[in-house]
Amino acid sequence: MAQTVKPFDELRVRGFPYDKKVRLMRMANAEKKSLQQFLYDVLVRLADSEDVLDTQIKMTQLQKETTAIVEQNTQALLEVKEVMNYIAGVDEDGSI
């Protein structure tokens, strides 16, 4: 069954534990915010976190791919260096 989302300006949580509310109020106070502003900020971050997670996963994959490419390039350069040293008659220790 599809759920319809309608514009609203209020969220209500019924049966929320009192001790958790007190803890949230302390957290809001520590940030010098009202409970409403604190919860608003937390809920916006929570709603946006899926997009951030997707981006982080993509970035991690790109970093892995880039690292693999750099490692392949490094290996190719070492092979070219070895060939150039052979052509120049230079030993591995750098002596001629």
Protein backbone atom coordinates (compact mmCIF):
# COMPACT_ATOMS: atom_id res chain seq x y z
CA MET A 1 0.00 0.00 0.00
CA ALA A 2 1.49 3.33 -1.08
CA GLN A 3 1.90 6.01 1.53
CA THR A 4 0.94 9.60 0.77
CA VAL A 5 3.16 12.37 2.08
CA LYS A 6 1.44 15.65 2.78
CA PRO A 7 3.11 18.92 3.72
CA PHE A 8 3.06 19.53 7.46
CA ASP A 9 4.90 21.59 10.00
CA GLU A 10 4.74 19.29 12.99
CA LEU A 11 5.93 15.85 14.03
CA ARG A 12 4.55 14.13 17.07
CA VAL A 13 6.02 11.12 18.80
CA ARG A 14 3.61 9.41 21.14
CA GLY A 15 4.78 7.36 24.11
CA PHE A 16 8.36 8.63 23.96
CA PRO A 17 10.24 7.57 27.12
CA TYR A 18 10.59 10.34 29.68
CA ASP A 19 14.25 9.59 30.45
CA LYS A 20 15.10 9.84 26.75
CA LYS A 21 13.34 13.21 26.52
CA VAL A 22 15.35 14.47 29.49
CA ARG A 23 18.55 13.28 27.82
CA LEU A 24 17.61 15.05 24.57
CA MET A 25 16.81 18.22 26.50
CA ARG A 26 20.27 18.10 28.12
CA MET A 27 21.91 17.57 24.72
CA ALA A 28 19.97 20.55 23.32
CA ASN A 29 20.93 22.67 26.29
CA ALA A 30 24.60 21.75 25.84
CA GLU A 31 24.37 23.12 22.29
CA LYS A 32 22.49 26.18 23.56
CA LYS A 33 19.45 25.29 21.46
CA SER A 34 15.81 24.75 22.19
CA LEU A 35 14.66 21.14 22.13
CA GLN A 36 12.70 21.92 18.97
CA GLN A 37 15.73 23.38 17.15
CA PHE A 38 17.97 20.57 18.34
CA LEU A 39 15.54 17.88 17.14
CA TYR A 40 14.99 19.74 13.86
CA ASP A 41 18.74 19.76 13.17
CA VAL A 42 19.13 16.09 14.12
CA LEU A 43 16.21 15.01 11.94
CA VAL A 44 17.45 17.01 8.95
CA ARG A 45 20.89 15.37 9.30
CA LEU A 46 19.23 11.97 9.61
CA ALA A 47 17.14 12.55 6.50
CA ASP A 48 20.23 13.69 4.56
CA SER A 49 22.46 10.89 5.85
CA GLU A 50 21.38 8.42 3.14
CA ASP A 51 22.66 10.76 0.43
CA VAL A 52 25.89 11.25 2.34
CA LEU A 53 26.33 7.50 2.80
CA ASP A 54 25.83 6.89 -0.93
CA THR A 55 28.45 9.54 -1.70
CA GLN A 56 30.88 8.06 0.84
CA ILE A 57 30.48 4.61 -0.69
CA LYS A 58 31.15 6.00 -4.19
CA MET A 59 34.18 7.95 -2.94
CA THR A 60 35.61 4.86 -1.24
CA GLN A 61 35.24 2.86 -4.45
CA LEU A 62 36.91 5.62 -6.48
CA GLN A 63 39.76 5.81 -3.96
CA LYS A 64 40.31 2.05 -4.25
CA GLU A 65 40.31 2.27 -8.05
CA THR A 66 42.71 5.23 -7.99
CA THR A 67 45.05 3.42 -5.61
CA ALA A 68 45.10 0.38 -7.88
CA ILE A 69 45.90 2.55 -10.90
CA VAL A 70 48.70 4.36 -9.05
CA GLU A 71 50.17 1.01 -7.98
CA GLN A 72 50.06 -0.26 -11.58
CA ASN A 73 51.72 2.94 -12.82
CA THR A 74 54.40 2.68 -10.15
CA GLN A 75 55.14 -0.89 -11.19
CA ALA A 76 55.35 0.14 -14.86
CA LEU A 77 57.73 2.99 -14.01
CA LEU A 78 59.95 0.66 -11.99
CA GLU A 79 60.09 -1.70 -14.98
CA VAL A 80 60.99 1.20 -17.31
CA LYS A 81 63.69 2.31 -14.85
CA GLU A 82 65.11 -1.20 -14.78
CA VAL A 83 65.23 -1.31 -18.62
CA MET A 84 66.81 2.16 -18.79
CA ASN A 85 69.43 1.14 -16.22
CA TYR A 86 70.18 -2.02 -18.22
CA ILE A 87 70.57 0.00 -21.42
CA ALA A 88 72.82 2.51 -19.63
CA GLY A 89 74.83 -0.31 -18.08
CA VAL A 90 73.98 0.70 -14.53
CA ASP A 91 73.82 -2.05 -11.89
CA GLU A 92 70.98 -2.26 -9.39
CA ASP A 93 73.15 -0.63 -6.74
CA GLY A 94 73.71 2.38 -9.03
CA SER A 95 77.30 1.56 -10.03
CA ILE A 96 78.41 1.46 -13.68
